[in-house]
């Protein structure tokens, strides 16, 4: 059985609150993951932002950038191929 391909928008960032909601955690737990170096982030002024690609990789246990890029490239290529059929 093949699962349907679902497009995911991996552009942009999430706030700490949005990330907490997605992960079903408290804001404090997300801050703890950030400060422990477990959740990659960028800082915009005084706010922390979590990249959508990085959150997706975190949830899926992927840590190195090359693996993240390869998986995304494969997924996008596969989705494009399905649409062309």
Foldseek 3Di string as FASTA:
>chain_A
DDDDQDDDDQDDWDFLCVLCVVVVHDSVVSVVCVVVVLQDWDQDPNTTIGGSLSSVCSVVVHDDPVVSVVVVVVSVVVVVVVVVD
